[in-house]
Amino acid sequence: MTRPWNDPRADLDQARAGATSTVLVARRAGVVVGTVMAGVDGHRGWVYYLGVQPGEQGRGLGSALLRAAEAWLGAHGARKVQLMVRTGNPVSGFYAGHGYAVQDCLVLGRWLEPAAG
């Protein structure tokens, strides 16, 4: 779910500190079994890091987390929800089953230099 250039701990800290983002956690018997991060960019809602422990997959937990993220985003003003899935990732079928479709757009990006402190 992560790549070497992504620091999930930094992403988690930033999401938890912001008023326009959240991290939802599913626990079973006190153990984390699933998470999803959601944020609103002022125009759209975004879903990140949706993951469910392998032993818990196929029981509807991912769907419940996705619905909870969508509800949070809607309550925070998002009218549309988007997410990015790496090409070739088999999880695309999961999202397609929840009404997500490939959008007619090209995602561009570049890295910013860290701010001087």
PDB file of N, CA and C in Angstrom:
ATOM      1  N   MET A   1       0.825  -1.192   0.000  1.00  0.00           N
ATOM      2  CA  MET A   1       0.000   0.000   0.000  1.00  0.00           C
ATOM      3  C   MET A   1       0.870   1.258   0.000  1.00  0.00           C
ATOM      4  N   THR A   2       2.087   1.150   0.454  1.00  0.00           N
ATOM      5  CA  THR A   2       2.959   2.320   0.475  1.00  0.00           C
ATOM      6  C   THR A   2       4.121   2.109  -0.483  1.00  0.00           C
ATOM      7  N   ARG A   3       4.833   3.157  -0.726  1.00  0.00           N
ATOM      8  CA  ARG A   3       6.023   3.140  -1.554  1.00  0.00           C
ATOM      9  C   ARG A   3       7.151   3.773  -0.751  1.00  0.00           C
ATOM     10  N   PRO A   4       8.392   3.480  -1.091  1.00  0.00           N
ATOM     11  CA  PRO A   4       9.513   4.015  -0.306  1.00  0.00           C
ATOM     12  C   PRO A   4       9.509   5.539  -0.175  1.00  0.00           C
ATOM     13  N   TRP A   5       8.982   6.248  -1.157  1.00  0.00           N
ATOM     14  CA  TRP A   5       8.990   7.703  -1.105  1.00  0.00           C
ATOM     15  C   TRP A   5       7.816   8.268  -0.316  1.00  0.00           C
ATOM     16  N   ASN A   6       6.874   7.424   0.109  1.00  0.00           N
ATOM     17  CA  ASN A   6       5.762   7.864   0.950  1.00  0.00           C
ATOM     18  C   ASN A   6       6.061   7.464   2.392  1.00  0.00           C
ATOM     19  N   ASP A   7       5.887   8.386   3.300  1.00  0.00           N
ATOM     20  CA  ASP A   7       6.070   8.109   4.722  1.00  0.00           C
ATOM     21  C   ASP A   7       4.679   8.035   5.355  1.00  0.00           C
ATOM     22  N   PRO A   8       4.151   6.816   5.542  1.00  0.00           N
ATOM     23  CA  PRO A   8       2.781   6.719   6.062  1.00  0.00           C
ATOM     24  C   PRO A   8       2.612   7.323   7.449  1.00  0.00           C
ATOM     25  N   ARG A   9       3.646   7.287   8.273  1.00  0.00           N
ATOM     26  CA  ARG A   9       3.530   7.906   9.609  1.00  0.00           C
ATOM     27  C   ARG A   9       3.376   9.418   9.494  1.00  0.00           C
ATOM     28  N   ALA A  10       4.145  10.040   8.605  1.00  0.00           N
ATOM     29  CA  ALA A  10       4.020  11.486   8.404  1.00  0.00           C
ATOM     30  C   ALA A  10       2.646  11.815   7.832  1.00  0.00           C
ATOM     31  N   ASP A  11       2.163  10.991   6.890  1.00  0.00           N
ATOM     32  CA  ASP A  11       0.826  11.207   6.328  1.00  0.00           C
ATOM     33  C   ASP A  11      -0.234  11.093   7.416  1.00  0.00           C
ATOM     34  N   LEU A  12      -0.099  10.096   8.272  1.00  0.00           N
ATOM     35  CA  LEU A  12      -1.049   9.892   9.370  1.00  0.00           C
ATOM     36  C   LEU A  12      -1.041  11.096  10.314  1.00  0.00           C
ATOM     37  N   ASP A  13       0.148  11.536  10.704  1.00  0.00           N
ATOM     38  CA  ASP A  13       0.245  12.684  11.612  1.00  0.00           C
ATOM     39  C   ASP A  13      -0.387  13.928  10.992  1.00  0.00           C
ATOM     40  N   GLN A  14      -0.123  14.156   9.710  1.00  0.00           N
ATOM     41  CA  GLN A  14      -0.664  15.326   9.040  1.00  0.00           C
ATOM     42  C   GLN A  14      -2.191  15.236   8.933  1.00  0.00           C
ATOM     43  N   ALA A  15      -2.705  14.064   8.621  1.00  0.00           N
ATOM     44  CA  ALA A  15      -4.159  13.890   8.516  1.00  0.00           C
ATOM     45  C   ALA A  15      -4.840  14.098   9.866  1.00  0.00           C
ATOM     46  N   ARG A  16      -4.241  13.582  10.907  1.00  0.00           N
ATOM     47  CA  ARG A  16      -4.844  13.723  12.236  1.00  0.00           C
ATOM     48  C   ARG A  16      -4.799  15.144  12.752  1.00  0.00           C
ATOM     49  N   ALA A  17      -3.822  15.928  12.295  1.00  0.00           N
ATOM     50  CA  ALA A  17      -3.671  17.300  12.771  1.00  0.00           C
ATOM     51  C   ALA A  17      -4.564  18.286  12.023  1.00  0.00           C
ATOM     52  N   GLY A  18      -5.065  17.903  10.860  1.00  0.00           N
ATOM     53  CA  GLY A  18      -5.836  18.831  10.033  1.00  0.00           C
ATOM     54  C   GLY A  18      -7.322  18.775  10.304  1.00  0.00           C
ATOM     55  N   ALA A  19      -7.966  19.911  10.129  1.00  0.00           N
ATOM     56  CA  ALA A  19      -9.418  19.984  10.304  1.00  0.00           C
ATOM     57  C   ALA A  19     -10.158  19.444   9.082  1.00  0.00           C
ATOM     58  N   THR A  20      -9.458  19.291   7.965  1.00  0.00           N
ATOM     59  CA  THR A  20     -10.108  18.852   6.734  1.00  0.00           C
ATOM     60  C   THR A  20      -9.777  17.409   6.387  1.00  0.00           C
ATOM     61  N   SER A  21      -9.271  16.669   7.360  1.00  0.00           N
ATOM     62  CA  SER A  21      -8.937  15.267   7.113  1.00  0.00           C
ATOM     63  C   SER A  21      -9.132  14.456   8.387  1.00  0.00           C
ATOM     64  N   THR A  22      -9.209  13.139   8.203  1.00  0.00           N
ATOM     65  CA  THR A  22      -9.386  12.246   9.336  1.00  0.00           C
ATOM     66  C   THR A  22      -8.819  10.877   9.006  1.00  0.00           C
ATOM     67  N   VAL A  23      -8.641  10.084  10.022  1.00  0.00           N
ATOM     68  CA  VAL A  23      -8.261   8.678   9.876  1.00  0.00           C
ATOM     69  C   VAL A  23      -9.286   7.870  10.658  1.00  0.00           C
ATOM     70  N   LEU A  24      -9.954   6.953   9.972  1.00  0.00           N
ATOM     71  CA  LEU A  24     -10.942   6.090  10.613  1.00  0.00           C
ATOM     72  C   LEU A  24     -10.304   4.727  10.828  1.00  0.00           C
ATOM     73  N   VAL A  25     -10.546   4.151  11.986  1.00  0.00           N
ATOM     74  CA  VAL A  25      -9.899   2.894  12.367  1.00  0.00           C
ATOM     75  C   VAL A  25     -10.954   1.879  12.777  1.00  0.00           C
ATOM     76  N   ALA A  26     -10.833   0.659  12.256  1.00  0.00           N
ATOM     77  CA  ALA A  26     -11.709  -0.446  12.669  1.00  0.00           C
ATOM     78  C   ALA A  26     -10.896  -1.363  13.577  1.00  0.00           C
ATOM     79  N   ARG A  27     -11.485  -1.724  14.701  1.00  0.00           N
ATOM     80  CA  ARG A  27     -10.816  -2.620  15.654  1.00  0.00           C
ATOM     81  C   ARG A  27     -11.716  -3.815  15.934  1.00  0.00           C
ATOM     82  N   ARG A  28     -11.065  -4.935  16.166  1.00  0.00           N
ATOM     83  CA  ARG A  28     -11.766  -6.137  16.607  1.00  0.00           C
ATOM     84  C   ARG A  28     -11.008  -6.640  17.832  1.00  0.00           C
ATOM     85  N   ALA A  29     -11.701  -6.707  18.947  1.00  0.00           N
ATOM     86  CA  ALA A  29     -11.095  -7.120  20.214  1.00  0.00           C
ATOM     87  C   ALA A  29      -9.871  -6.263  20.537  1.00  0.00           C
ATOM     88  N   GLY A  30      -9.971  -4.951  20.252  1.00  0.00           N
ATOM     89  CA  GLY A  30      -8.907  -4.023  20.580  1.00  0.00           C
ATOM     90  C   GLY A  30      -7.742  -3.987  19.603  1.00  0.00           C
ATOM     91  N   VAL A  31      -7.791  -4.813  18.562  1.00  0.00           N
ATOM     92  CA  VAL A  31      -6.712  -4.886  17.574  1.00  0.00           C
ATOM     93  C   VAL A  31      -7.151  -4.171  16.299  1.00  0.00           C
ATOM     94  N   VAL A  32      -6.275  -3.334  15.754  1.00  0.00           N
ATOM     95  CA  VAL A  32      -6.581  -2.630  14.509  1.00  0.00           C
ATOM     96  C   VAL A  32      -6.643  -3.651  13.374  1.00  0.00           C
ATOM     97  N   VAL A  33      -7.782  -3.677  12.669  1.00  0.00           N
ATOM     98  CA  VAL A  33      -7.961  -4.612  11.549  1.00  0.00           C
ATOM     99  C   VAL A  33      -8.212  -3.897  10.227  1.00  0.00           C
ATOM    100  N   GLY A  34      -8.417  -2.580  10.287  1.00  0.00           N
ATOM    101  CA  GLY A  34      -8.627  -1.834   9.064  1.00  0.00           C
ATOM    102  C   GLY A  34      -8.534  -0.345   9.316  1.00  0.00           C
ATOM    103  N   THR A  35      -8.135   0.396   8.278  1.00  0.00           N
ATOM    104  CA  THR A  35      -8.052   1.849   8.380  1.00  0.00           C
ATOM    105  C   THR A  35      -8.384   2.483   7.035  1.00  0.00           C
ATOM    106  N   VAL A  36      -8.739   3.746   7.086  1.00  0.00           N
ATOM    107  CA  VAL A  36      -8.906   4.561   5.889  1.00  0.00           C
ATOM    108  C   VAL A  36      -8.640   6.015   6.283  1.00  0.00           C
ATOM    109  N   MET A  37      -7.979   6.733   5.401  1.00  0.00           N
ATOM    110  CA  MET A  37      -7.743   8.153   5.598  1.00  0.00           C
ATOM    111  C   MET A  37      -8.580   8.900   4.572  1.00  0.00           C
ATOM    112  N   ALA A  38      -9.182  10.011   4.985  1.00  0.00           N
ATOM    113  CA  ALA A  38     -10.019  10.800   4.092  1.00  0.00           C
ATOM    114  C   ALA A  38      -9.728  12.275   4.301  1.00  0.00           C
ATOM    115  N   GLY A  39      -9.828  13.037   3.217  1.00  0.00           N
ATOM    116  CA  GLY A  39      -9.600  14.470   3.318  1.00  0.00           C
ATOM    117  C   GLY A  39     -10.372  15.222   2.258  1.00  0.00           C
ATOM    118  N   VAL A  40     -10.678  16.466   2.555  1.00  0.00           N
ATOM    119  CA  VAL A  40     -11.379  17.346   1.627  1.00  0.00           C
ATOM    120  C   VAL A  40     -10.403  18.428   1.207  1.00  0.00           C
ATOM    121  N   ASP A  41     -10.263  18.630  -0.105  1.00  0.00           N
ATOM    122  CA  ASP A  41      -9.315  19.631  -0.602  1.00  0.00           C
ATOM    123  C   ASP A  41      -9.974  20.977  -0.870  1.00  0.00           C
ATOM    124  N   GLY A  42     -11.206  21.134  -0.450  1.00  0.00           N
ATOM    125  CA  GLY A  42     -11.940  22.365  -0.696  1.00  0.00           C
ATOM    126  C   GLY A  42     -12.896  22.241  -1.866  1.00  0.00           C
ATOM    127  N   HIS A  43     -12.732  21.203  -2.641  1.00  0.00           N
ATOM    128  CA  HIS A  43     -13.590  20.976  -3.795  1.00  0.00           C
ATOM    129  C   HIS A  43     -14.053  19.521  -3.848  1.00  0.00           C
ATOM    130  N   ARG A  44     -13.124  18.607  -3.635  1.00  0.00           N
ATOM    131  CA  ARG A  44     -13.421  17.171  -3.691  1.00  0.00           C
ATOM    132  C   ARG A  44     -12.965  16.496  -2.413  1.00  0.00           C
ATOM    133  N   GLY A  45     -13.564  15.327  -2.207  1.00  0.00           N
ATOM    134  CA  GLY A  45     -13.084  14.470  -1.138  1.00  0.00           C
ATOM    135  C   GLY A  45     -12.134  13.428  -1.715  1.00  0.00           C
ATOM    136  N   TRP A  46     -11.161  13.039  -0.925  1.00  0.00           N
ATOM    137  CA  TRP A  46     -10.182  12.039  -1.356  1.00  0.00           C
ATOM    138  C   TRP A  46     -10.093  10.929  -0.316  1.00  0.00           C
ATOM    139  N   VAL A  47      -9.932   9.710  -0.810  1.00  0.00           N
ATOM    140  CA  VAL A  47      -9.759   8.537   0.053  1.00  0.00           C
ATOM    141  C   VAL A  47      -8.344   8.017  -0.162  1.00  0.00           C
ATOM    142  N   TYR A  48      -7.662   7.739   0.940  1.00  0.00           N
ATOM    143  CA  TYR A  48      -6.296   7.230   0.914  1.00  0.00           C
ATOM    144  C   TYR A  48      -6.155   6.072   1.895  1.00  0.00           C
ATOM    145  N   TYR A  49      -5.191   5.234   1.646  1.00  0.00           N
ATOM    146  CA  TYR A  49      -4.759   4.208   2.601  1.00  0.00           C
ATOM    147  C   TYR A  49      -5.891   3.333   3.135  1.00  0.00           C
ATOM    148  N   LEU A  50      -6.852   2.992   2.307  1.00  0.00           N
ATOM    149  CA  LEU A  50      -7.875   2.043   2.744  1.00  0.00           C
ATOM    150  C   LEU A  50      -7.230   0.668   2.769  1.00  0.00           C
ATOM    151  N   GLY A  51      -7.201   0.060   3.932  1.00  0.00           N
ATOM    152  CA  GLY A  51      -6.585  -1.256   4.050  1.00  0.00           C
ATOM    153  C   GLY A  51      -7.258  -2.081   5.126  1.00  0.00           C
ATOM    154  N   VAL A  52      -7.310  -3.376   4.882  1.00  0.00           N
ATOM    155  CA  VAL A  52      -7.904  -4.329   5.816  1.00  0.00           C
ATOM    156  C   VAL A  52      -6.922  -5.480   5.979  1.00  0.00           C
ATOM    157  N   GLN A  53      -6.727  -5.909   7.210  1.00  0.00           N
ATOM    158  CA  GLN A  53      -5.833  -7.039   7.480  1.00  0.00           C
ATOM    159  C   GLN A  53      -6.266  -8.239   6.641  1.00  0.00           C
ATOM    160  N   PRO A  54      -5.313  -8.980   6.083  1.00  0.00           N
ATOM    161  CA  PRO A  54      -5.668 -10.112   5.204  1.00  0.00           C
ATOM    162  C   PRO A  54      -6.687 -11.087   5.807  1.00  0.00           C
ATOM    163  N   GLY A  55      -6.571 -11.408   7.063  1.00  0.00           N
ATOM    164  CA  GLY A  55      -7.499 -12.344   7.692  1.00  0.00           C
ATOM    165  C   GLY A  55      -8.912 -11.808   7.851  1.00  0.00           C
ATOM    166  N   GLU A  56      -9.068 -10.509   7.698  1.00  0.00           N
ATOM    167  CA  GLU A  56     -10.378  -9.856   7.834  1.00  0.00           C
ATOM    168  C   GLU A  56     -11.010  -9.533   6.479  1.00  0.00           C
ATOM    169  N   GLN A  57     -10.276  -9.720   5.408  1.00  0.00           N
ATOM    170  CA  GLN A  57     -10.783  -9.368   4.077  1.00  0.00           C
ATOM    171  C   GLN A  57     -11.909 -10.309   3.659  1.00  0.00           C
ATOM    172  N   GLY A  58     -12.817  -9.778   2.837  1.00  0.00           N
ATOM    173  CA  GLY A  58     -13.932 -10.579   2.340  1.00  0.00           C
ATOM    174  C   GLY A  58     -15.117 -10.635   3.273  1.00  0.00           C
ATOM    175  N   ARG A  59     -15.095  -9.863   4.350  1.00  0.00           N
ATOM    176  CA  ARG A  59     -16.185  -9.865   5.333  1.00  0.00           C
ATOM    177  C   ARG A  59     -16.981  -8.566   5.336  1.00  0.00           C
ATOM    178  N   GLY A  60     -16.665  -7.656   4.394  1.00  0.00           N
ATOM    179  CA  GLY A  60     -17.406  -6.405   4.317  1.00  0.00           C
ATOM    180  C   GLY A  60     -16.780  -5.248   5.060  1.00  0.00           C
ATOM    181  N   LEU A  61     -15.654  -5.476   5.718  1.00  0.00           N
ATOM    182  CA  LEU A  61     -15.029  -4.406   6.485  1.00  0.00           C
ATOM    183  C   LEU A  61     -14.509  -3.287   5.578  1.00  0.00           C
ATOM    184  N   GLY A  62     -13.896  -3.634   4.454  1.00  0.00           N
ATOM    185  CA  GLY A  62     -13.430  -2.612   3.515  1.00  0.00           C
ATOM    186  C   GLY A  62     -14.578  -1.764   3.006  1.00  0.00           C
ATOM    187  N   SER A  63     -15.687  -2.412   2.706  1.00  0.00           N
ATOM    188  CA  SER A  63     -16.880  -1.681   2.247  1.00  0.00           C
ATOM    189  C   SER A  63     -17.395  -0.752   3.337  1.00  0.00           C
ATOM    190  N   ALA A  64     -17.402  -1.229   4.569  1.00  0.00           N
ATOM    191  CA  ALA A  64     -17.874  -0.399   5.685  1.00  0.00           C
ATOM    192  C   ALA A  64     -16.949   0.802   5.888  1.00  0.00           C
ATOM    193  N   LEU A  65     -15.641   0.590   5.786  1.00  0.00           N
ATOM    194  CA  LEU A  65     -14.699   1.693   5.928  1.00  0.00           C
ATOM    195  C   LEU A  65     -14.875   2.714   4.798  1.00  0.00           C
ATOM    196  N   LEU A  66     -15.071   2.233   3.585  1.00  0.00           N
ATOM    197  CA  LEU A  66     -15.266   3.133   2.452  1.00  0.00           C
ATOM    198  C   LEU A  66     -16.544   3.952   2.646  1.00  0.00           C
ATOM    199  N   ARG A  67     -17.635   3.313   3.058  1.00  0.00           N
ATOM    200  CA  ARG A  67     -18.891   4.043   3.308  1.00  0.00           C
ATOM    201  C   ARG A  67     -18.705   5.078   4.421  1.00  0.00           C
ATOM    202  N   ALA A  68     -17.981   4.713   5.470  1.00  0.00           N
ATOM    203  CA  ALA A  68     -17.746   5.647   6.578  1.00  0.00           C
ATOM    204  C   ALA A  68     -16.916   6.840   6.106  1.00  0.00           C
ATOM    205  N   ALA A  69     -15.902   6.587   5.274  1.00  0.00           N
ATOM    206  CA  ALA A  69     -15.094   7.686   4.738  1.00  0.00           C
ATOM    207  C   ALA A  69     -15.947   8.587   3.857  1.00  0.00           C
ATOM    208  N   GLU A  70     -16.785   7.988   3.002  1.00  0.00           N
ATOM    209  CA  GLU A  70     -17.666   8.778   2.141  1.00  0.00           C
ATOM    210  C   GLU A  70     -18.631   9.624   2.976  1.00  0.00           C
ATOM    211  N   ALA A  71     -19.158   9.058   4.043  1.00  0.00           N
ATOM    212  CA  ALA A  71     -20.081   9.795   4.913  1.00  0.00           C
ATOM    213  C   ALA A  71     -19.356  10.967   5.582  1.00  0.00           C
ATOM    214  N   TRP A  72     -18.141  10.728   6.060  1.00  0.00           N
ATOM    215  CA  TRP A  72     -17.355  11.794   6.688  1.00  0.00           C
ATOM    216  C   TRP A  72     -17.089  12.900   5.670  1.00  0.00           C
ATOM    217  N   LEU A  73     -16.686  12.516   4.467  1.00  0.00           N
ATOM    218  CA  LEU A  73     -16.400  13.502   3.421  1.00  0.00           C
ATOM    219  C   LEU A  73     -17.641  14.313   3.060  1.00  0.00           C
ATOM    220  N   GLY A  74     -18.773  13.640   2.910  1.00  0.00           N
ATOM    221  CA  GLY A  74     -20.018  14.338   2.610  1.00  0.00           C
ATOM    222  C   GLY A  74     -20.394  15.324   3.703  1.00  0.00           C
ATOM    223  N   ALA A  75     -20.211  14.925   4.939  1.00  0.00           N
ATOM    224  CA  ALA A  75     -20.520  15.800   6.068  1.00  0.00           C
ATOM    225  C   ALA A  75     -19.576  16.994   6.142  1.00  0.00           C
ATOM    226  N   HIS A  76     -18.432  16.890   5.473  1.00  0.00           N
ATOM    227  CA  HIS A  76     -17.454  17.977   5.478  1.00  0.00           C
ATOM    228  C   HIS A  76     -17.415  18.730   4.146  1.00  0.00           C
ATOM    229  N   GLY A  77     -18.506  18.615   3.366  1.00  0.00           N
ATOM    230  CA  GLY A  77     -18.681  19.450   2.196  1.00  0.00           C
ATOM    231  C   GLY A  77     -18.276  18.871   0.853  1.00  0.00           C
ATOM    232  N   ALA A  78     -17.735  17.670   0.829  1.00  0.00           N
ATOM    233  CA  ALA A  78     -17.341  17.086  -0.462  1.00  0.00           C
ATOM    234  C   ALA A  78     -18.583  16.692  -1.252  1.00  0.00           C
ATOM    235  N   ARG A  79     -18.582  17.016  -2.532  1.00  0.00           N
ATOM    236  CA  ARG A  79     -19.692  16.622  -3.411  1.00  0.00           C
ATOM    237  C   ARG A  79     -19.291  15.440  -4.283  1.00  0.00           C
ATOM    238  N   LYS A  80     -18.004  15.218  -4.405  1.00  0.00           N
ATOM    239  CA  LYS A  80     -17.476  14.115  -5.208  1.00  0.00           C
ATOM    240  C   LYS A  80     -16.317  13.507  -4.431  1.00  0.00           C
ATOM    241  N   VAL A  81     -16.188  12.194  -4.540  1.00  0.00           N
ATOM    242  CA  VAL A  81     -15.078  11.502  -3.875  1.00  0.00           C
ATOM    243  C   VAL A  81     -14.188  10.888  -4.945  1.00  0.00           C
ATOM    244  N   GLN A  82     -12.903  11.052  -4.761  1.00  0.00           N
ATOM    245  CA  GLN A  82     -11.926  10.485  -5.685  1.00  0.00           C
ATOM    246  C   GLN A  82     -10.878   9.707  -4.906  1.00  0.00           C
ATOM    247  N   LEU A  83     -10.221   8.824  -5.631  1.00  0.00           N
ATOM    248  CA  LEU A  83      -9.102   8.087  -5.063  1.00  0.00           C
ATOM    249  C   LEU A  83      -8.197   7.675  -6.208  1.00  0.00           C
ATOM    250  N   MET A  84      -6.988   7.333  -5.880  1.00  0.00           N
ATOM    251  CA  MET A  84      -6.042   6.901  -6.903  1.00  0.00           C
ATOM    252  C   MET A  84      -5.631   5.465  -6.604  1.00  0.00           C
ATOM    253  N   VAL A  85      -5.594   4.653  -7.644  1.00  0.00           N
ATOM    254  CA  VAL A  85      -5.161   3.259  -7.539  1.00  0.00           C
ATOM    255  C   VAL A  85      -4.048   3.073  -8.570  1.00  0.00           C
ATOM    256  N   ARG A  86      -2.949   2.513  -8.133  1.00  0.00           N
ATOM    257  CA  ARG A  86      -1.848   2.294  -9.067  1.00  0.00           C
ATOM    258  C   ARG A  86      -2.259   1.318 -10.160  1.00  0.00           C
ATOM    259  N   THR A  87      -1.815   1.599 -11.380  1.00  0.00           N
ATOM    260  CA  THR A  87      -2.099   0.746 -12.526  1.00  0.00           C
ATOM    261  C   THR A  87      -1.698  -0.691 -12.216  1.00  0.00           C
ATOM    262  N   GLY A  88      -2.582  -1.631 -12.518  1.00  0.00           N
ATOM    263  CA  GLY A  88      -2.301  -3.039 -12.299  1.00  0.00           C
ATOM    264  C   GLY A  88      -2.670  -3.558 -10.920  1.00  0.00           C
ATOM    265  N   ASN A  89      -3.095  -2.684 -10.008  1.00  0.00           N
ATOM    266  CA  ASN A  89      -3.477  -3.119  -8.669  1.00  0.00           C
ATOM    267  C   ASN A  89      -4.840  -3.809  -8.755  1.00  0.00           C
ATOM    268  N   PRO A  90      -4.928  -5.069  -8.333  1.00  0.00           N
ATOM    269  CA  PRO A  90      -6.201  -5.799  -8.447  1.00  0.00           C
ATOM    270  C   PRO A  90      -7.330  -5.236  -7.586  1.00  0.00           C
ATOM    271  N   VAL A  91      -7.037  -4.320  -6.684  1.00  0.00           N
ATOM    272  CA  VAL A  91      -8.082  -3.742  -5.842  1.00  0.00           C
ATOM    273  C   VAL A  91      -9.033  -2.853  -6.647  1.00  0.00           C
ATOM    274  N   SER A  92      -8.658  -2.518  -7.898  1.00  0.00           N
ATOM    275  CA  SER A  92      -9.554  -1.682  -8.711  1.00  0.00           C
ATOM    276  C   SER A  92     -10.948  -2.290  -8.804  1.00  0.00           C
ATOM    277  N   GLY A  93     -11.050  -3.613  -8.853  1.00  0.00           N
ATOM    278  CA  GLY A  93     -12.355  -4.268  -8.922  1.00  0.00           C
ATOM    279  C   GLY A  93     -13.205  -3.996  -7.698  1.00  0.00           C
ATOM    280  N   PHE A  94     -12.571  -3.912  -6.533  1.00  0.00           N
ATOM    281  CA  PHE A  94     -13.284  -3.573  -5.298  1.00  0.00           C
ATOM    282  C   PHE A  94     -13.958  -2.216  -5.451  1.00  0.00           C
ATOM    283  N   TYR A  95     -13.195  -1.241  -5.914  1.00  0.00           N
ATOM    284  CA  TYR A  95     -13.741   0.105  -6.062  1.00  0.00           C
ATOM    285  C   TYR A  95     -14.795   0.173  -7.167  1.00  0.00           C
ATOM    286  N   ALA A  96     -14.581  -0.526  -8.257  1.00  0.00           N
ATOM    287  CA  ALA A  96     -15.579  -0.563  -9.333  1.00  0.00           C
ATOM    288  C   ALA A  96     -16.899  -1.100  -8.794  1.00  0.00           C
ATOM    289  N   GLY A  97     -16.830  -2.086  -7.918  1.00  0.00           N
ATOM    290  CA  GLY A  97     -18.029  -2.650  -7.310  1.00  0.00           C
ATOM    291  C   GLY A  97     -18.766  -1.684  -6.402  1.00  0.00           C
ATOM    292  N   HIS A  98     -18.111  -0.594  -6.045  1.00  0.00           N
ATOM    293  CA  HIS A  98     -18.730   0.437  -5.207  1.00  0.00           C
ATOM    294  C   HIS A  98     -19.065   1.688  -6.013  1.00  0.00           C
ATOM    295  N   GLY A  99     -19.082   1.542  -7.343  1.00  0.00           N
ATOM    296  CA  GLY A  99     -19.515   2.649  -8.185  1.00  0.00           C
ATOM    297  C   GLY A  99     -18.418   3.593  -8.639  1.00  0.00           C
ATOM    298  N   TYR A 100     -17.178   3.304  -8.304  1.00  0.00           N
ATOM    299  CA  TYR A 100     -16.073   4.154  -8.752  1.00  0.00           C
ATOM    300  C   TYR A 100     -15.691   3.751 -10.168  1.00  0.00           C
ATOM    301  N   ALA A 101     -15.383   4.750 -10.986  1.00  0.00           N
ATOM    302  CA  ALA A 101     -15.026   4.506 -12.378  1.00  0.00           C
ATOM    303  C   ALA A 101     -13.806   5.342 -12.739  1.00  0.00           C
ATOM    304  N   VAL A 102     -13.080   4.882 -13.731  1.00  0.00           N
ATOM    305  CA  VAL A 102     -11.924   5.626 -14.212  1.00  0.00           C
ATOM    306  C   VAL A 102     -12.414   6.987 -14.708  1.00  0.00           C
ATOM    307  N   GLN A 103     -11.745   8.043 -14.282  1.00  0.00           N
ATOM    308  CA  GLN A 103     -12.105   9.400 -14.654  1.00  0.00           C
ATOM    309  C   GLN A 103     -11.304   9.833 -15.878  1.00  0.00           C
ATOM    310  N   ASP A 104     -11.887  10.666 -16.676  1.00  0.00           N
ATOM    311  CA  ASP A 104     -11.219  11.158 -17.875  1.00  0.00           C
ATOM    312  C   ASP A 104     -10.318  12.330 -17.506  1.00  0.00           C
ATOM    313  N   CYS A 105      -9.197  12.018 -16.875  1.00  0.00           N
ATOM    314  CA  CYS A 105      -8.245  13.059 -16.512  1.00  0.00           C
ATOM    315  C   CYS A 105      -6.862  12.430 -16.380  1.00  0.00           C
ATOM    316  N   LEU A 106      -5.880  13.257 -16.423  1.00  0.00           N
ATOM    317  CA  LEU A 106      -4.501  12.828 -16.271  1.00  0.00           C
ATOM    318  C   LEU A 106      -4.001  13.387 -14.957  1.00  0.00           C
ATOM    319  N   VAL A 107      -3.461  12.554 -14.095  1.00  0.00           N
ATOM    320  CA  VAL A 107      -2.931  13.014 -12.822  1.00  0.00           C
ATOM    321  C   VAL A 107      -1.461  13.371 -13.028  1.00  0.00           C
ATOM    322  N   LEU A 108      -1.135  14.615 -12.739  1.00  0.00           N
ATOM    323  CA  LEU A 108       0.234  15.100 -12.840  1.00  0.00           C
ATOM    324  C   LEU A 108       0.735  15.443 -11.444  1.00  0.00           C
ATOM    325  N   GLY A 109       2.005  15.385 -11.234  1.00  0.00           N
ATOM    326  CA  GLY A 109       2.536  15.737  -9.929  1.00  0.00           C
ATOM    327  C   GLY A 109       4.016  16.039  -9.989  1.00  0.00           C
ATOM    328  N   ARG A 110       4.497  16.672  -8.936  1.00  0.00           N
ATOM    329  CA  ARG A 110       5.930  16.889  -8.776  1.00  0.00           C
ATOM    330  C   ARG A 110       6.218  17.024  -7.296  1.00  0.00           C
ATOM    331  N   TRP A 111       7.428  16.711  -6.917  1.00  0.00           N
ATOM    332  CA  TRP A 111       7.851  16.795  -5.527  1.00  0.00           C
ATOM    333  C   TRP A 111       8.237  18.227  -5.190  1.00  0.00           C
ATOM    334  N   LEU A 112       7.872  18.692  -4.021  1.00  0.00           N
ATOM    335  CA  LEU A 112       8.270  20.010  -3.536  1.00  0.00           C
ATOM    336  C   LEU A 112       9.469  19.849  -2.612  1.00  0.00           C
ATOM    337  N   GLU A 113      10.345  20.796  -2.640  1.00  0.00           N
ATOM    338  CA  GLU A 113      11.488  20.796  -1.721  1.00  0.00           C
ATOM    339  C   GLU A 113      10.971  21.095  -0.319  1.00  0.00           C
ATOM    340  N   PRO A 114      11.553  20.461   0.697  1.00  0.00           N
ATOM    341  CA  PRO A 114      11.111  20.769   2.076  1.00  0.00           C
ATOM    342  C   PRO A 114      11.343  22.249   2.392  1.00  0.00           C
ATOM    343  N   ALA A 115      10.427  22.810   3.150  1.00  0.00           N
ATOM    344  CA  ALA A 115      10.549  24.213   3.549  1.00  0.00           C
ATOM    345  C   ALA A 115      11.753  24.392   4.475  1.00  0.00           C
ATOM    346  N   ALA A 116      12.469  25.458   4.253  1.00  0.00           N
ATOM    347  CA  ALA A 116      13.620  25.761   5.112  1.00  0.00           C
ATOM    348  C   ALA A 116      13.115  26.179   6.485  1.00  0.00           C
ATOM    349  N   GLY A 117      13.728  25.664   7.510  1.00  0.00           N
ATOM    350  CA  GLY A 117      13.233  25.952   8.854  1.00  0.00           C
ATOM    351  C   GLY A 117      14.153  26.742   9.577  1.00  0.00           C
TER     352      GLY A 117
END
